[in-house]
C-alpha atoms as a PDB file:
ATOM      1  CA  MET A   1     122.486  94.282 125.097  1.00  0.00           C
ATOM      2  CA  ALA A   2     122.544  95.281 121.454  1.00  0.00           C
ATOM      3  CA  TRP A   3     119.258  95.073 119.565  1.00  0.00           C
ATOM      4  CA  LYS A   4     118.984  91.875 117.563  1.00  0.00           C
ATOM      5  CA  PRO A   5     116.828  91.816 114.423  1.00  0.00           C
ATOM      6  CA  SER A   6     114.025  89.311 114.191  1.00  0.00           C
ATOM      7  CA  GLU A   7     114.366  86.295 111.946  1.00  0.00           C
ATOM      8  CA  ARG A   8     111.799  87.808 109.568  1.00  0.00           C
ATOM      9  CA  GLU A   9     113.669  91.096 109.321  1.00  0.00           C
ATOM     10  CA  ALA A  10     117.021  89.373 108.834  1.00  0.00           C
ATOM     11  CA  ARG A  11     115.515  87.293 106.052  1.00  0.00           C
ATOM     12  CA  GLY A  12     114.212  90.455 104.421  1.00  0.00           C
ATOM     13  CA  TYR A  13     117.620  92.098 104.430  1.00  0.00           C
ATOM     14  CA  HIS A  14     119.300  88.922 103.211  1.00  0.00           C
ATOM     15  CA  HIS A  15     117.056  88.780 100.170  1.00  0.00           C
ATOM     16  CA  GLY A  16     117.102  92.535  99.674  1.00  0.00           C
ATOM     17  CA  ASN A  17     113.317  92.805  99.703  1.00  0.00           C
ATOM     18  CA  LEU A  18     112.656  95.022 102.745  1.00  0.00           C
ATOM     19  CA  ARG A  19     111.418  97.845 100.517  1.00  0.00           C
ATOM     20  CA  GLU A  20     108.941  95.546  98.802  1.00  0.00           C
ATOM     21  CA  ALA A  21     107.886  94.071 102.157  1.00  0.00           C
ATOM     22  CA  LEU A  22     107.095  97.546 103.490  1.00  0.00           C
ATOM     23  CA  ILE A  23     105.103  98.450 100.386  1.00  0.00           C
ATOM     24  CA  GLN A  24     103.143  95.217 100.718  1.00  0.00           C
ATOM     25  CA  ALA A  25     102.540  95.886 104.413  1.00  0.00           C
ATOM     26  CA  ALA A  26     101.308  99.396 103.615  1.00  0.00           C
ATOM     27  CA  ARG A  27      98.937  98.034 100.975  1.00  0.00           C
ATOM     28  CA  GLU A  28      97.476  95.566 103.450  1.00  0.00           C
ATOM     29  CA  LEU A  29      97.049  98.277 106.070  1.00  0.00           C
ATOM     30  CA  ILE A  30      95.383 100.584 103.543  1.00  0.00           C
ATOM     31  CA  ALA A  31      92.958  97.815 102.641  1.00  0.00           C
ATOM     32  CA  GLU A  32      92.206  97.219 106.320  1.00  0.00           C
ATOM     33  CA  LYS A  33      92.244 100.743 107.773  1.00  0.00           C
ATOM     34  CA  GLY A  34      92.272 103.211 104.883  1.00  0.00           C
ATOM     35  CA  PRO A  35      95.173 105.386 103.724  1.00  0.00           C
ATOM     36  CA  ALA A  36      95.143 107.522 106.893  1.00  0.00           C
ATOM     37  CA  GLY A  37      94.507 104.735 109.390  1.00  0.00           C
ATOM     38  CA  PHE A  38      98.037 103.605 110.229  1.00  0.00           C
ATOM     39  CA  THR A  39     101.426 104.970 111.191  1.00  0.00           C
ATOM     40  CA  PHE A  40     104.923 104.431 109.851  1.00  0.00           C
ATOM     41  CA  ALA A  41     105.585 102.257 112.887  1.00  0.00           C
ATOM     42  CA  ASP A  42     102.486 100.185 112.113  1.00  0.00           C
ATOM     43  CA  ALA A  43     103.855  99.482 108.634  1.00  0.00           C
ATOM     44  CA  ALA A  44     107.187  98.432 110.101  1.00  0.00           C
ATOM     45  CA  ARG A  45     105.488  96.157 112.620  1.00  0.00           C
ATOM     46  CA  SER A  46     103.323  94.586 109.924  1.00  0.00           C
ATOM     47  CA  ALA A  47     106.423  93.925 107.816  1.00  0.00           C
ATOM     48  CA  GLY A  48     108.100  92.284 110.824  1.00  0.00           C
ATOM     49  CA  VAL A  49     110.890  94.817 111.263  1.00  0.00           C
ATOM     50  CA  SER A  50     111.908  97.350 113.872  1.00  0.00           C
ATOM     51  CA  ALA A  51     110.464 100.857 113.861  1.00  0.00           C
ATOM     52  CA  ALA A  52     113.859 102.172 112.726  1.00  0.00           C
ATOM     53  CA  ALA A  53     114.335  99.786 109.799  1.00  0.00           C
ATOM     54  CA  PRO A  54     112.031 101.564 107.262  1.00  0.00           C
ATOM     55  CA  TYR A  55     114.232 104.669 107.405  1.00  0.00           C
ATOM     56  CA  ARG A  56     116.831 102.766 105.399  1.00  0.00           C
ATOM     57  CA  HIS A  57     114.493 103.112 102.399  1.00  0.00           C
ATOM     58  CA  PHE A  58     111.949 105.839 103.194  1.00  0.00           C
ATOM     59  CA  ARG A  59     112.405 109.189 104.905  1.00  0.00           C
ATOM     60  CA  ASP A  60     108.902 109.025 106.444  1.00  0.00           C
ATOM     61  CA  ARG A  61     105.387 107.633 106.067  1.00  0.00           C
ATOM     62  CA  GLU A  62     104.599 110.018 103.202  1.00  0.00           C
ATOM     63  CA  ALA A  63     107.524 108.670 101.195  1.00  0.00           C
ATOM     64  CA  LEU A  64     106.301 105.117 101.770  1.00  0.00           C
ATOM     65  CA  MET A  65     102.773 106.054 100.695  1.00  0.00           C
ATOM     66  CA  ALA A  66     104.179 107.786  97.611  1.00  0.00           C
ATOM     67  CA  ASP A  67     105.954 104.586  96.621  1.00  0.00           C
ATOM     68  CA  VAL A  68     102.734 102.594  97.045  1.00  0.00           C
ATOM     69  CA  ALA A  69     100.960 105.135  94.833  1.00  0.00           C
ATOM     70  CA  ARG A  70     103.788 105.072  92.286  1.00  0.00           C
ATOM     71  CA  GLU A  71     103.568 101.300  92.025  1.00  0.00           C
ATOM     72  CA  GLY A  72      99.802 101.609  91.718  1.00  0.00           C
ATOM     73  CA  PHE A  73     100.062 104.060  88.825  1.00  0.00           C
ATOM     74  CA  GLN A  74     102.418 101.684  87.042  1.00  0.00           C
ATOM     75  CA  ARG A  75      99.813  98.914  87.245  1.00  0.00           C
ATOM     76  CA  PHE A  76      97.098 101.390  86.333  1.00  0.00           C
ATOM     77  CA  GLU A  77      98.999 102.439  83.209  1.00  0.00           C
ATOM     78  CA  ALA A  78      99.386  98.808  82.159  1.00  0.00           C
ATOM     79  CA  MET A  79      95.659  98.131  82.559  1.00  0.00           C
ATOM     80  CA  LEU A  80      94.638 101.264  80.652  1.00  0.00           C
ATOM     81  CA  ALA A  81      97.104 100.444  77.874  1.00  0.00           C
ATOM     82  CA  ALA A  82      95.704  96.908  77.632  1.00  0.00           C
ATOM     83  CA  GLY A  83      92.206  98.355  77.367  1.00  0.00           C
ATOM     84  CA  TRP A  84      93.247 100.780  74.627  1.00  0.00           C
ATOM     85  CA  ALA A  85      95.138  98.028  72.768  1.00  0.00           C
ATOM     86  CA  GLY A  86      96.503 100.461  70.229  1.00  0.00           C
ATOM     87  CA  GLY A  87      92.986 101.530  69.209  1.00  0.00           C
ATOM     88  CA  LYS A  88      91.836  98.018  68.285  1.00  0.00           C
ATOM     89  CA  PRO A  89      89.405  96.675  67.168  1.00  0.00           C
ATOM     90  CA  ASP A  90      88.358 100.252  66.404  1.00  0.00           C
ATOM     91  CA  PRO A  91      89.083 103.532  68.227  1.00  0.00           C
ATOM     92  CA  ILE A  92      85.607 104.041  69.690  1.00  0.00           C
ATOM     93  CA  THR A  93      85.340 100.515  71.056  1.00  0.00           C
ATOM     94  CA  ALA A  94      88.898 100.784  72.383  1.00  0.00           C
ATOM     95  CA  PHE A  95      88.044 104.091  74.046  1.00  0.00           C
ATOM     96  CA  HIS A  96      85.152 102.447  75.872  1.00  0.00           C
ATOM     97  CA  ASN A  97      87.520  99.663  76.891  1.00  0.00           C
ATOM     98  CA  VAL A  98      89.823 102.204  78.514  1.00  0.00           C
ATOM     99  CA  GLY A  99      86.910 103.294  80.683  1.00  0.00           C
ATOM    100  CA  LYS A 100      86.164  99.686  81.593  1.00  0.00           C
ATOM    101  CA  ALA A 101      89.818  99.172  82.498  1.00  0.00           C
ATOM    102  CA  TYR A 102      89.584 102.164  84.849  1.00  0.00           C
ATOM    103  CA  LEU A 103      86.672 100.524  86.672  1.00  0.00           C
ATOM    104  CA  THR A 104      88.409  97.153  86.744  1.00  0.00           C
ATOM    105  CA  PHE A 105      91.433  98.706  88.424  1.00  0.00           C
ATOM    106  CA  ALA A 106      89.310 100.414  91.095  1.00  0.00           C
ATOM    107  CA  ARG A 107      87.503  97.154  91.801  1.00  0.00           C
ATOM    108  CA  THR A 108      90.490  94.801  91.827  1.00  0.00           C
ATOM    109  CA  GLU A 109      93.148  97.096  93.344  1.00  0.00           C
ATOM    110  CA  PRO A 110      91.308  99.148  95.998  1.00  0.00           C
ATOM    111  CA  ALA A 111      94.402  99.656  98.170  1.00  0.00           C
ATOM    112  CA  TYR A 112      96.443 101.027  95.286  1.00  0.00           C
ATOM    113  CA  TYR A 113      93.463 103.132  94.201  1.00  0.00           C
ATOM    114  CA  ALA A 114      93.152 104.647  97.681  1.00  0.00           C
ATOM    115  CA  ALA A 115      96.877 105.394  97.871  1.00  0.00           C
ATOM    116  CA  MET A 116      96.805 107.042  94.458  1.00  0.00           C
ATOM    117  CA  PHE A 117      93.670 109.149  94.822  1.00  0.00           C
ATOM    118  CA  GLU A 118      92.562 109.275  98.469  1.00  0.00           C
ATOM    119  CA  SER A 119      95.706 109.565 100.570  1.00  0.00           C
ATOM    120  CA  GLY A 120      96.072 113.336 100.289  1.00  0.00           C
ATOM    121  CA  LEU A 121      99.465 113.063  98.604  1.00  0.00           C
ATOM    122  CA  ALA A 122     100.495 115.963  96.431  1.00  0.00           C
ATOM    123  CA  PRO A 123     100.805 114.679  92.841  1.00  0.00           C
ATOM    124  CA  ASP A 124     104.430 115.822  92.700  1.00  0.00           C
ATOM    125  CA  VAL A 125     105.501 114.778  96.199  1.00  0.00           C
ATOM    126  CA  THR A 126     108.192 112.775  94.407  1.00  0.00           C
ATOM    127  CA  LYS A 127     109.328 113.021  90.816  1.00  0.00           C
ATOM    128  CA  GLU A 128     108.830 109.266  90.416  1.00  0.00           C
ATOM    129  CA  LEU A 129     105.189 109.513  91.493  1.00  0.00           C
ATOM    130  CA  ARG A 130     104.562 112.422  89.133  1.00  0.00           C
ATOM    131  CA  ALA A 131     106.173 110.571  86.236  1.00  0.00           C
ATOM    132  CA  SER A 132     104.185 107.372  86.787  1.00  0.00           C
ATOM    133  CA  ALA A 133     100.905 109.301  87.116  1.00  0.00           C
ATOM    134  CA  ASP A 134     101.666 111.267  83.938  1.00  0.00           C
ATOM    135  CA  ARG A 135     102.379 108.070  82.016  1.00  0.00           C
ATOM    136  CA  ALA A 136      99.039 106.614  83.084  1.00  0.00           C
ATOM    137  CA  PHE A 137      97.157 109.748  82.025  1.00  0.00           C
ATOM    138  CA  ALA A 138      99.074 109.747  78.738  1.00  0.00           C
ATOM    139  CA  VAL A 139      97.259 106.542  77.741  1.00  0.00           C
ATOM    140  CA  LEU A 140      93.930 108.342  78.035  1.00  0.00           C
ATOM    141  CA  ARG A 141      95.317 111.397  76.256  1.00  0.00           C
ATOM    142  CA  GLN A 142      96.602 109.245  73.368  1.00  0.00           C
ATOM    143  CA  ALA A 143      93.172 107.644  73.039  1.00  0.00           C
ATOM    144  CA  ALA A 144      91.497 111.064  72.991  1.00  0.00           C
ATOM    145  CA  ASP A 145      93.966 112.334  70.365  1.00  0.00           C
ATOM    146  CA  THR A 146      93.112 109.370  68.148  1.00  0.00           C
ATOM    147  CA  LEU A 147      89.359 109.855  68.533  1.00  0.00           C
ATOM    148  CA  VAL A 148      89.429 113.593  67.948  1.00  0.00           C
ATOM    149  CA  ALA A 149      91.192 112.999  64.633  1.00  0.00           C
ATOM    150  CA  LEU A 150      88.125 111.065  63.428  1.00  0.00           C
ATOM    151  CA  LEU A 151      85.996 114.231  63.380  1.00  0.00           C
ATOM    152  CA  PRO A 152      86.105 116.989  60.760  1.00  0.00           C
ATOM    153  CA  GLN A 153      88.713 119.518  61.783  1.00  0.00           C
ATOM    154  CA  ALA A 154      86.191 122.311  62.366  1.00  0.00           C
ATOM    155  CA  ARG A 155      84.295 120.138  64.859  1.00  0.00           C
ATOM    156  CA  ARG A 156      87.172 118.685  66.821  1.00  0.00           C
ATOM    157  CA  PRO A 157      87.094 119.348  70.578  1.00  0.00           C
ATOM    158  CA  PRO A 158      90.416 119.898  72.342  1.00  0.00           C
ATOM    159  CA  ALA A 159      91.830 116.433  73.023  1.00  0.00           C
ATOM    160  CA  LEU A 160      93.051 117.461  76.482  1.00  0.00           C
ATOM    161  CA  MET A 161      89.577 118.681  77.439  1.00  0.00           C
ATOM    162  CA  MET A 162      88.026 115.454  76.196  1.00  0.00           C
ATOM    163  CA  SER A 163      90.493 113.270  78.087  1.00  0.00           C
ATOM    164  CA  LEU A 164      89.850 115.264  81.277  1.00  0.00           C
ATOM    165  CA  HIS A 165      86.088 114.920  80.837  1.00  0.00           C
ATOM    166  CA  VAL A 166      86.301 111.168  80.386  1.00  0.00           C
ATOM    167  CA  TRP A 167      88.755 110.854  83.268  1.00  0.00           C
ATOM    168  CA  SER A 168      86.269 112.707  85.498  1.00  0.00           C
ATOM    169  CA  MET A 169      83.398 110.453  84.427  1.00  0.00           C
ATOM    170  CA  ALA A 170      85.322 107.238  84.930  1.00  0.00           C
ATOM    171  CA  HIS A 171      86.788 108.371  88.239  1.00  0.00           C
ATOM    172  CA  GLY A 172      83.447 109.487  89.643  1.00  0.00           C
ATOM    173  CA  ILE A 173      81.739 106.214  88.779  1.00  0.00           C
ATOM    174  CA  ALA A 174      84.715 104.181  90.018  1.00  0.00           C
ATOM    175  CA  SER A 175      84.827 106.037  93.340  1.00  0.00           C
ATOM    176  CA  LEU A 176      81.093 105.840  93.994  1.00  0.00           C
ATOM    177  CA  PHE A 177      79.999 102.578  92.441  1.00  0.00           C
ATOM    178  CA  GLY A 178      82.912 100.566  91.112  1.00  0.00           C
ATOM    179  CA  ARG A 179      85.402 100.210  93.914  1.00  0.00           C
ATOM    180  CA  GLY A 180      86.305  96.942  95.526  1.00  0.00           C
ATOM    181  CA  ASP A 181      85.888  97.899  99.185  1.00  0.00           C
ATOM    182  CA  ALA A 182      83.246  98.998 101.673  1.00  0.00           C
ATOM    183  CA  GLY A 183      82.948 102.436 100.043  1.00  0.00           C
ATOM    184  CA  ARG A 184      81.080 101.007  97.078  1.00  0.00           C
ATOM    185  CA  ARG A 185      77.471 102.181  96.626  1.00  0.00           C
ATOM    186  CA  SER A 186      74.790  99.941  95.200  1.00  0.00           C
ATOM    187  CA  LEU A 187      73.384 100.455  91.705  1.00  0.00           C
ATOM    188  CA  PRO A 188      70.431  98.983  89.782  1.00  0.00           C
ATOM    189  CA  MET A 189      72.959  98.302  87.001  1.00  0.00           C
ATOM    190  CA  SER A 190      76.661  97.534  86.768  1.00  0.00           C
ATOM    191  CA  ALA A 191      79.195 100.325  87.030  1.00  0.00           C
ATOM    192  CA  GLU A 192      80.371  99.357  83.530  1.00  0.00           C
ATOM    193  CA  GLU A 193      76.872  99.827  82.108  1.00  0.00           C
ATOM    194  CA  LEU A 194      76.538 103.215  83.782  1.00  0.00           C
ATOM    195  CA  LEU A 195      79.885 104.401  82.410  1.00  0.00           C
ATOM    196  CA  GLU A 196      79.145 103.076  78.924  1.00  0.00           C
ATOM    197  CA  SER A 197      75.815 104.909  78.724  1.00  0.00           C
ATOM    198  CA  GLU A 198      77.368 108.129  80.041  1.00  0.00           C
ATOM    199  CA  MET A 199      80.218 107.943  77.541  1.00  0.00           C
ATOM    200  CA  LEU A 200      77.801 107.206  74.683  1.00  0.00           C
ATOM    201  CA  ILE A 201      75.761 110.310  75.510  1.00  0.00           C
ATOM    202  CA  TYR A 202      78.900 112.413  75.829  1.00  0.00           C
ATOM    203  CA  MET A 203      80.474 111.189  72.608  1.00  0.00           C
ATOM    204  CA  GLN A 204      77.272 111.455  70.595  1.00  0.00           C
ATOM    205  CA  GLY A 205      77.001 115.042  71.794  1.00  0.00           C
ATOM    206  CA  LEU A 206      80.422 115.672  70.273  1.00  0.00           C
ATOM    207  CA  GLY A 207      79.323 114.130  66.996  1.00  0.00           C
ATOM    208  CA  PHE A 208      80.998 110.749  67.189  1.00  0.00           C
ATOM    209  CA  PRO A 209      79.184 107.805  65.574  1.00  0.00           C
ATOM    210  CA  GLN A 210      78.531 104.720  67.673  1.00  0.00           C
ATOM    211  CA  LYS A 211      80.776 102.719  65.351  1.00  0.00           C
ATOM    212  CA  VAL A 212      83.467 103.686  62.885  1.00  0.00           C
END
């Protein structure tokens, strides 16, 4: 007897949303078991399709995980850009808001965050993943470029170095204290307060005023 697709799978093909259903299934499995805790077949089963069906869209589990991460970076970029808000109300406040947006993403999108940063994917496993990650980092780089221009030219730090420093600070605090899953450590303060104080110390050391 020929294999007959389930009603759920047939509905997915009819609406053309199997790819999205697999990404959603992978996100749910990441949230439940971590980025290394499930197989390609598990994702197919969770999406309600046969073990062979995902190969119509993804060559293997890594390709599926890369698409989850790509989608995550797209959302991440949007949140960072909203925090930066074109440098408003002023560049320093907006820069702090970018850091807060980083923490908000880690807390509200832990499955995406894990796929992006904890799945072991090479950053350039696909060109689409690399491009989406670069666009997200570009928001932070643009903010650093704007801030560096506020200082006298002789005292300006390299904008790339500054953006990497702030990325490291925000990522460390997000991973340890700001995430929205069981990996979160407790703090006697909020993760946002910790990041704000760390960024204030860092920026004052570079010569930035608290307000411009």
